[in-house]
Amino acid sequence: MIHGGNIDKISRQLKVPSHKLLDFSANLNPLGVPAELKDTLLESLKEIRYYPDPEYVQLRTAIARYHKVDLQTVFVGNGAVQLIFEIANALSYGHGLVLAPTFSEYEHALKRAHVQVHHYCLREENNFQLVMTDLIAYLHLHSEIKTIYLANPNNPTGNLITIADLKKLVVFCNQNQRYLILDEAFINLVCIKNSSYGPFLNINDNVFIVYSATKFFAIPGLRLGYCLIKNPKLQKLLVAQIEPWSVNILAARFGAEMFQAKDYIQKTNQWFTKQQPLLYQQLKSLSALKVYPSTTNFFLFQCSQLNLKNKLLDYKIMIRQCEDYYGLGPNYFRVALRNAAENKYLIKCLHQCLEKGK
């Protein structure tokens, strides 16, 4: 499996310092770590000689308060990926479903749990948008599928599933003994606000909602994710899988304060609201690209120049080539949203690469 953001590897390959590279392959907040939380990280260094609280009461309480849920609803992990793997092990039913294309770690987690993977292919002619009625009809025909993994918005397509459609799927899952794992890693970076299913989660829902602090707060090296579960049966299943001390003390202290970074959150929303539609229009202006609409901080596009990723490395720019996504090929690429100057430079370099390729 390939992931974006492998800046150390490219730094070694090009023999240039990592800070000289512009990484459009990882979908992170370009504002960087919130300045108001750097002191929190420094202070937490004093605590690294102690074990973290295995119940993470302070961290979970902050998350529970933000989402307006009870403490027992919240589970934390060493990034969202750890929780995705633990959920797969907790359920471990014979057959599971993932979209194609989507984040590769769902399939990896299912295979590690010895679950047979079914791919539900999204249609390119429909801009890879999921049609919920079609998916539910497919699930009716395949009763052996017990677990469904969905990213909302989806990665790498950037498509968002509406709350109305999610409610239909949750009703189906509750009535048919299916389980929905809903990954909302990018939900705080979408054009349509109030798109999280969290406020609609009920005690009888066969649903796990997974969140990541990585994308919004730009902390991929810190590793912090969490999950909301209201169903007591599902809570017990996940408790049996959770590793002790899975979140380090720095991440735990950061997470307990992250939702208090009001200024940072406001600036992030201002950046996203202005730059997201602007980059979309700039990418669409390049006639050699077929750009798909996105609701989040990255864009998928097609290009006939299969060496485009390597060409951009000459300009010290990293982008994500998507040939390893099931359902895509080497002619698909993904770029992240960065600040205005960096986005402008990307478009300039893309234009030069595409002109040279004619």
Protein backbone atom coordinates (compact mmCIF):
# COMPACT_ATOMS: atom_id res chain seq x y z
CA MET A 1 0.00 0.00 0.00
CA ILE A 2 1.10 3.54 -0.82
CA HIS A 3 0.17 6.63 1.17
CA GLY A 4 0.75 10.30 0.66
CA GLY A 5 3.01 12.34 2.89
CA ASN A 6 6.14 10.16 2.67
CA ILE A 7 8.33 13.24 2.69
CA ASP A 8 11.42 11.53 4.14
CA LYS A 9 11.54 9.05 1.26
CA ILE A 10 11.30 11.79 -1.38
CA SER A 11 13.86 13.87 0.50
CA ARG A 12 16.33 10.99 0.31
CA GLN A 13 15.45 10.29 -3.32
CA LEU A 14 15.99 13.89 -4.44
CA LYS A 15 18.82 14.53 -1.96
CA VAL A 16 17.21 17.74 -0.75
CA PRO A 17 16.11 18.73 2.78
CA SER A 18 12.49 17.90 3.53
CA HIS A 19 11.66 21.56 4.27
CA LYS A 20 12.50 22.36 0.64
CA LEU A 21 9.63 20.16 -0.57
CA LEU A 22 6.02 21.21 -1.08
CA ASP A 23 3.85 18.27 -0.08
CA PHE A 24 0.53 18.25 -1.93
CA SER A 25 0.27 14.47 -1.45
CA ALA A 26 -0.89 14.66 2.20
CA ASN A 27 -4.27 16.24 2.96
CA LEU A 28 -3.31 18.35 5.97
CA ASN A 29 -4.15 21.79 7.29
CA PRO A 30 -1.38 24.10 5.96
CA LEU A 31 -1.70 26.34 9.02
CA GLY A 32 0.38 23.75 10.87
CA VAL A 33 0.14 22.89 14.56
CA PRO A 34 -1.99 25.44 16.46
CA ALA A 35 0.35 27.98 18.07
CA GLU A 36 -1.82 28.12 21.17
CA LEU A 37 -1.26 24.38 21.74
CA LYS A 38 2.52 24.29 21.37
CA ASP A 39 2.90 25.20 25.05
CA THR A 40 0.61 22.27 25.89
CA LEU A 41 2.95 19.92 24.03
CA LEU A 42 6.01 21.37 25.75
CA GLU A 43 4.42 21.09 29.19
CA SER A 44 3.40 17.49 28.54
CA LEU A 45 7.08 16.56 28.02
CA LYS A 46 7.41 16.75 31.80
CA GLU A 47 4.97 13.83 32.04
CA ILE A 48 6.65 11.37 29.68
CA ARG A 49 8.27 9.59 32.64
CA TYR A 50 4.76 8.48 33.71
CA TYR A 51 2.32 6.06 32.12
CA PRO A 52 -0.71 7.76 30.57
CA ASP A 53 -4.07 7.25 32.28
CA PRO A 54 -5.21 3.95 30.70
CA GLU A 55 -8.80 5.22 30.74
CA TYR A 56 -7.86 8.63 29.26
CA VAL A 57 -10.56 10.34 31.28
CA GLN A 58 -9.33 13.90 30.62
CA LEU A 59 -9.00 13.34 26.86
CA ARG A 60 -12.29 11.45 26.50
CA THR A 61 -14.14 14.01 28.63
CA ALA A 62 -13.01 16.82 26.30
CA ILE A 63 -14.12 14.86 23.24
CA ALA A 64 -17.43 13.91 24.88
CA ARG A 65 -18.10 17.54 25.78
CA TYR A 66 -17.38 18.66 22.20
CA HIS A 67 -19.72 16.05 20.70
CA LYS A 68 -22.32 16.37 23.51
CA VAL A 69 -22.22 12.64 24.33
CA ASP A 70 -21.64 10.54 27.45
CA LEU A 71 -18.09 9.56 28.39
CA GLN A 72 -18.65 5.85 27.67
CA THR A 73 -19.46 6.75 24.07
CA VAL A 74 -15.86 7.83 23.38
CA PHE A 75 -12.93 5.55 22.52
CA VAL A 76 -9.44 6.81 21.64
CA GLY A 77 -6.54 5.39 19.67
CA ASN A 78 -3.12 5.92 18.16
CA GLY A 79 -4.61 7.56 15.09
CA ALA A 80 -7.88 6.67 13.35
CA VAL A 81 -6.18 3.76 11.57
CA GLN A 82 -5.60 1.87 14.82
CA LEU A 83 -9.31 2.13 15.62
CA ILE A 84 -10.23 0.96 12.11
CA PHE A 85 -8.13 -2.18 12.63
CA GLU A 86 -9.50 -2.78 16.13
CA ILE A 87 -13.09 -2.48 14.90
CA ALA A 88 -12.39 -5.00 12.13
CA ASN A 89 -11.03 -7.42 14.73
CA ALA A 90 -13.94 -6.76 17.09
CA LEU A 91 -16.54 -7.63 14.44
CA SER A 92 -14.52 -10.18 12.43
CA TYR A 93 -17.51 -11.42 10.41
CA GLY A 94 -16.92 -13.45 7.27
CA HIS A 95 -17.64 -10.78 4.64
CA GLY A 96 -17.16 -7.02 4.52
CA LEU A 97 -17.69 -4.29 1.94
CA VAL A 98 -15.59 -1.30 0.91
CA LEU A 99 -16.12 1.23 -1.83
CA ALA A 100 -13.84 1.41 -4.85
CA PRO A 101 -12.02 3.71 -4.86
CA THR A 102 -11.55 4.47 -1.18
CA PHE A 103 -8.93 4.54 1.59
CA SER A 104 -6.90 1.32 1.33
CA GLU A 105 -6.57 0.63 5.06
CA TYR A 106 -10.20 -0.54 5.31
CA GLU A 107 -9.40 -3.49 3.06
CA HIS A 108 -6.13 -4.08 4.87
CA ALA A 109 -7.91 -4.14 8.24
CA LEU A 110 -10.57 -6.56 6.99
CA LYS A 111 -8.00 -8.94 5.52
CA ARG A 112 -5.99 -8.87 8.75
CA ALA A 113 -9.21 -9.91 10.53
CA HIS A 114 -9.65 -12.77 7.98
CA VAL A 115 -12.70 -11.13 6.43
CA GLN A 116 -13.45 -11.60 2.73
CA VAL A 117 -13.57 -8.22 1.01
CA HIS A 118 -16.26 -7.17 -1.49
CA HIS A 119 -15.69 -4.05 -3.60
CA TYR A 120 -18.62 -1.82 -4.45
CA CYS A 121 -17.40 0.12 -7.50
CA LEU A 122 -18.32 3.77 -7.86
CA ARG A 123 -18.95 4.99 -11.42
CA GLU A 124 -16.60 7.49 -13.00
CA GLU A 125 -19.38 8.85 -15.20
CA ASN A 126 -21.21 9.75 -11.98
CA ASN A 127 -18.12 11.57 -10.61
CA PHE A 128 -17.69 8.61 -8.23
CA GLN A 129 -20.70 9.75 -6.21
CA LEU A 130 -22.32 6.99 -4.15
CA VAL A 131 -26.00 6.32 -4.96
CA MET A 132 -27.38 5.11 -1.65
CA THR A 133 -30.47 3.37 -3.02
CA ASP A 134 -28.23 1.30 -5.30
CA LEU A 135 -25.89 0.39 -2.45
CA ILE A 136 -28.77 -0.72 -0.21
CA ALA A 137 -30.21 -2.79 -3.07
CA TYR A 138 -26.80 -4.43 -3.49
CA LEU A 139 -26.64 -5.21 0.23
CA HIS A 140 -30.11 -6.76 0.10
CA LEU A 141 -28.77 -9.16 -2.56
CA HIS A 142 -25.64 -9.97 -0.55
CA SER A 143 -26.79 -11.02 2.90
CA GLU A 144 -23.35 -12.49 3.62
CA ILE A 145 -21.90 -8.95 3.89
CA LYS A 146 -22.08 -7.92 7.54
CA THR A 147 -19.73 -4.92 7.76
CA ILE A 148 -19.71 -1.82 5.55
CA TYR A 149 -16.83 0.65 5.58
CA LEU A 150 -17.56 4.16 4.32
CA ALA A 151 -15.46 7.32 4.36
CA ASN A 152 -17.45 10.54 4.49
CA PRO A 153 -16.19 12.49 2.64
CA ASN A 154 -14.63 9.73 0.59
CA ASN A 155 -10.90 9.59 -0.07
CA PRO A 156 -9.65 10.14 -2.80
CA THR A 157 -12.83 11.38 -4.52
CA GLY A 158 -13.88 14.05 -2.01
CA ASN A 159 -17.57 13.15 -2.30
CA LEU A 160 -19.88 13.66 0.67
CA ILE A 161 -22.83 11.45 1.62
CA THR A 162 -25.87 13.38 2.80
CA ILE A 163 -27.32 12.91 6.27
CA ALA A 164 -30.59 11.77 4.68
CA ASP A 165 -28.77 8.99 2.79
CA LEU A 166 -26.80 7.96 5.87
CA LYS A 167 -30.03 7.68 7.85
CA LYS A 168 -31.40 5.29 5.22
CA LEU A 169 -28.30 3.12 5.46
CA VAL A 170 -28.33 3.11 9.26
CA VAL A 171 -31.99 2.02 9.31
CA PHE A 172 -31.10 -0.79 6.91
CA CYS A 173 -28.15 -1.87 9.07
CA ASN A 174 -30.21 -1.84 12.26
CA GLN A 175 -32.99 -3.90 10.70
CA ASN A 176 -30.71 -6.41 8.95
CA GLN A 177 -27.92 -7.10 11.44
CA ARG A 178 -25.30 -5.19 9.45
CA TYR A 179 -22.62 -2.91 10.89
CA LEU A 180 -21.54 0.45 9.52
CA ILE A 181 -18.05 1.80 10.14
CA LEU A 182 -18.24 5.46 9.17
CA ASP A 183 -14.89 7.22 8.83
CA GLU A 184 -15.30 10.99 9.21
CA ALA A 185 -11.59 11.86 9.17
CA PHE A 186 -12.19 14.93 6.96
CA ILE A 187 -15.63 15.93 8.23
CA ASN A 188 -14.39 19.22 9.74
CA LEU A 189 -12.91 20.16 6.37
CA VAL A 190 -15.96 20.15 4.13
CA CYS A 191 -17.90 22.80 2.22
CA ILE A 192 -21.24 21.74 3.67
CA LYS A 193 -21.35 22.33 7.41
CA ASN A 194 -23.19 20.11 9.91
CA SER A 195 -22.41 17.06 7.77
CA SER A 196 -21.29 14.75 10.58
CA TYR A 197 -23.56 11.86 11.52
CA GLY A 198 -22.42 12.18 15.14
CA PRO A 199 -25.43 14.24 16.35
CA PHE A 200 -27.82 11.63 14.90
CA LEU A 201 -26.20 8.57 16.47
CA ASN A 202 -28.60 6.55 18.65
CA ILE A 203 -28.13 3.92 21.32
CA ASN A 204 -29.46 1.09 19.12
CA ASP A 205 -27.48 1.99 16.00
CA ASN A 206 -25.06 -0.62 14.62
CA VAL A 207 -22.64 2.18 13.86
CA PHE A 208 -19.05 3.12 14.69
CA ILE A 209 -18.05 6.70 13.80
CA VAL A 210 -14.29 7.21 13.50
CA TYR A 211 -12.63 10.63 13.64
CA SER A 212 -9.08 11.83 13.15
CA ALA A 213 -7.34 14.82 14.74
CA THR A 214 -4.58 14.51 12.14
CA LYS A 215 -6.09 16.35 9.19
CA PHE A 216 -7.64 19.41 10.80
CA PHE A 217 -4.93 20.03 13.42
CA ALA A 218 -1.98 18.99 11.18
CA ILE A 219 -0.52 16.45 13.61
CA PRO A 220 0.18 13.27 11.59
CA GLY A 221 3.34 12.62 13.60
CA LEU A 222 1.51 12.85 16.92
CA ARG A 223 -1.13 10.19 16.08
CA LEU A 224 -4.56 10.75 17.61
CA GLY A 225 -7.93 9.38 16.59
CA TYR A 226 -11.18 8.62 18.35
CA CYS A 227 -14.44 6.76 17.85
CA LEU A 228 -18.04 7.32 18.97
CA ILE A 229 -20.20 4.28 19.78
CA LYS A 230 -23.55 4.47 21.59
CA ASN A 231 -24.63 0.85 21.21
CA PRO A 232 -23.64 -0.99 24.47
CA LYS A 233 -23.09 -4.27 22.63
CA LEU A 234 -20.65 -2.66 20.20
CA GLN A 235 -18.93 -0.83 23.05
CA LYS A 236 -18.18 -4.16 24.74
CA LEU A 237 -16.86 -5.65 21.51
CA LEU A 238 -14.40 -2.78 21.04
CA VAL A 239 -13.34 -2.72 24.71
CA ALA A 240 -12.17 -6.32 24.28
CA GLN A 241 -9.83 -5.25 21.46
CA ILE A 242 -8.34 -2.02 22.77
CA GLU A 243 -4.64 -2.03 23.62
CA PRO A 244 -3.54 -0.40 26.89
CA TRP A 245 -1.82 3.01 26.70
CA SER A 246 -2.49 3.29 22.96
CA VAL A 247 -2.30 7.12 23.08
CA ASN A 248 0.95 8.72 24.23
CA ILE A 249 0.91 11.46 26.83
CA LEU A 250 1.70 14.26 24.34
CA ALA A 251 -1.23 13.29 22.10
CA ALA A 252 -3.52 12.86 25.11
CA ARG A 253 -2.75 16.33 26.49
CA PHE A 254 -3.00 17.91 23.03
CA GLY A 255 -6.35 16.24 22.38
CA ALA A 256 -7.74 17.39 25.70
CA GLU A 257 -7.14 21.02 24.65
CA MET A 258 -7.53 20.95 20.85
CA PHE A 259 -11.15 22.04 20.68
CA GLN A 260 -10.26 25.12 22.76
CA ALA A 261 -8.06 26.47 19.94
CA LYS A 262 -10.86 28.81 18.83
CA ASP A 263 -8.66 31.26 16.91
CA TYR A 264 -7.00 28.44 14.98
CA ILE A 265 -10.34 26.83 14.16
CA GLN A 266 -11.71 30.15 12.89
CA LYS A 267 -8.62 30.82 10.74
CA THR A 268 -8.80 27.30 9.32
CA ASN A 269 -12.42 27.76 8.32
CA GLN A 270 -11.60 31.12 6.70
CA TRP A 271 -8.70 29.60 4.75
CA PHE A 272 -10.75 26.62 3.60
CA THR A 273 -13.83 28.62 2.59
CA LYS A 274 -11.76 30.91 0.37
CA GLN A 275 -9.09 28.60 -1.04
CA GLN A 276 -11.06 25.39 -1.70
CA PRO A 277 -13.32 26.70 -4.50
CA LEU A 278 -10.47 28.81 -5.87
CA LEU A 279 -8.12 25.86 -6.33
CA TYR A 280 -10.93 23.86 -7.93
CA GLN A 281 -11.45 26.57 -10.55
CA GLN A 282 -7.70 26.90 -11.12
CA LEU A 283 -7.33 23.17 -11.69
CA LYS A 284 -10.33 23.14 -14.03
CA SER A 285 -8.70 25.91 -16.09
CA LEU A 286 -6.01 23.41 -17.17
CA SER A 287 -7.55 21.75 -20.22
CA ALA A 288 -5.30 18.69 -19.97
CA LEU A 289 -6.92 17.72 -16.66
CA LYS A 290 -10.30 16.24 -15.91
CA VAL A 291 -11.03 17.46 -12.38
CA TYR A 292 -13.73 15.90 -10.22
CA PRO A 293 -15.80 18.03 -7.84
CA SER A 294 -14.84 17.71 -4.19
CA THR A 295 -16.35 18.90 -0.93
CA THR A 296 -13.12 18.69 1.06
CA ASN A 297 -9.43 19.72 1.08
CA PHE A 298 -8.23 17.60 -1.83
CA PHE A 299 -9.08 17.06 -5.49
CA LEU A 300 -8.94 14.01 -7.73
CA PHE A 301 -8.17 14.50 -11.40
CA GLN A 302 -7.31 12.54 -14.53
CA CYS A 303 -4.33 13.29 -16.74
CA SER A 304 -2.94 11.39 -19.73
CA GLN A 305 0.65 12.25 -18.74
CA LEU A 306 1.40 9.28 -16.52
CA ASN A 307 4.76 10.71 -15.48
CA LEU A 308 3.20 13.90 -14.11
CA LYS A 309 4.10 13.02 -10.52
CA ASN A 310 7.78 12.65 -11.40
CA LYS A 311 7.75 15.81 -13.51
CA LEU A 312 6.50 17.81 -10.57
CA LEU A 313 9.33 16.47 -8.41
CA ASP A 314 11.65 18.58 -10.58
CA TYR A 315 9.86 21.56 -9.03
CA LYS A 316 10.13 20.01 -5.52
CA ILE A 317 6.36 19.33 -5.51
CA MET A 318 4.88 16.06 -4.26
CA ILE A 319 1.45 14.89 -5.44
CA ARG A 320 -0.38 11.59 -4.99
CA GLN A 321 -0.59 9.20 -7.95
CA CYS A 322 -3.60 6.95 -7.41
CA GLU A 323 -2.76 3.78 -9.33
CA ASP A 324 -2.86 1.71 -6.12
CA TYR A 325 -6.50 2.62 -5.41
CA TYR A 326 -8.82 -0.24 -6.40
CA GLY A 327 -10.90 1.08 -9.31
CA LEU A 328 -8.41 3.74 -10.44
CA GLY A 329 -5.25 3.67 -12.54
CA PRO A 330 -1.96 5.54 -13.10
CA ASN A 331 -3.81 8.32 -14.98
CA TYR A 332 -5.49 9.47 -11.73
CA PHE A 333 -3.86 11.94 -9.36
CA ARG A 334 -4.82 13.68 -6.11
CA VAL A 335 -3.65 17.05 -4.84
CA ALA A 336 -4.24 18.61 -1.44
CA LEU A 337 -5.31 22.14 -0.67
CA ARG A 338 -2.53 24.35 0.71
CA ASN A 339 -2.16 28.10 1.24
CA ALA A 340 -2.81 30.64 -1.53
CA ALA A 341 0.82 31.13 -2.60
CA GLU A 342 1.56 27.41 -2.65
CA ASN A 343 -1.62 26.63 -4.58
CA LYS A 344 -0.70 29.30 -7.13
CA TYR A 345 2.78 27.78 -7.50
CA LEU A 346 1.26 24.32 -8.01
CA ILE A 347 -0.93 25.60 -10.85
CA LYS A 348 2.05 27.36 -12.46
CA CYS A 349 4.17 24.19 -12.31
CA LEU A 350 1.32 22.00 -13.54
CA HIS A 351 0.89 24.33 -16.51
CA GLN A 352 4.59 24.09 -17.34
CA CYS A 353 4.64 20.29 -17.02
CA LEU A 354 1.57 19.90 -19.18
CA GLU A 355 2.91 22.26 -21.84
CA LYS A 356 6.20 20.33 -21.99
CA GLY A 357 4.29 17.08 -22.36
CA LYS A 358 2.46 18.11 -25.49
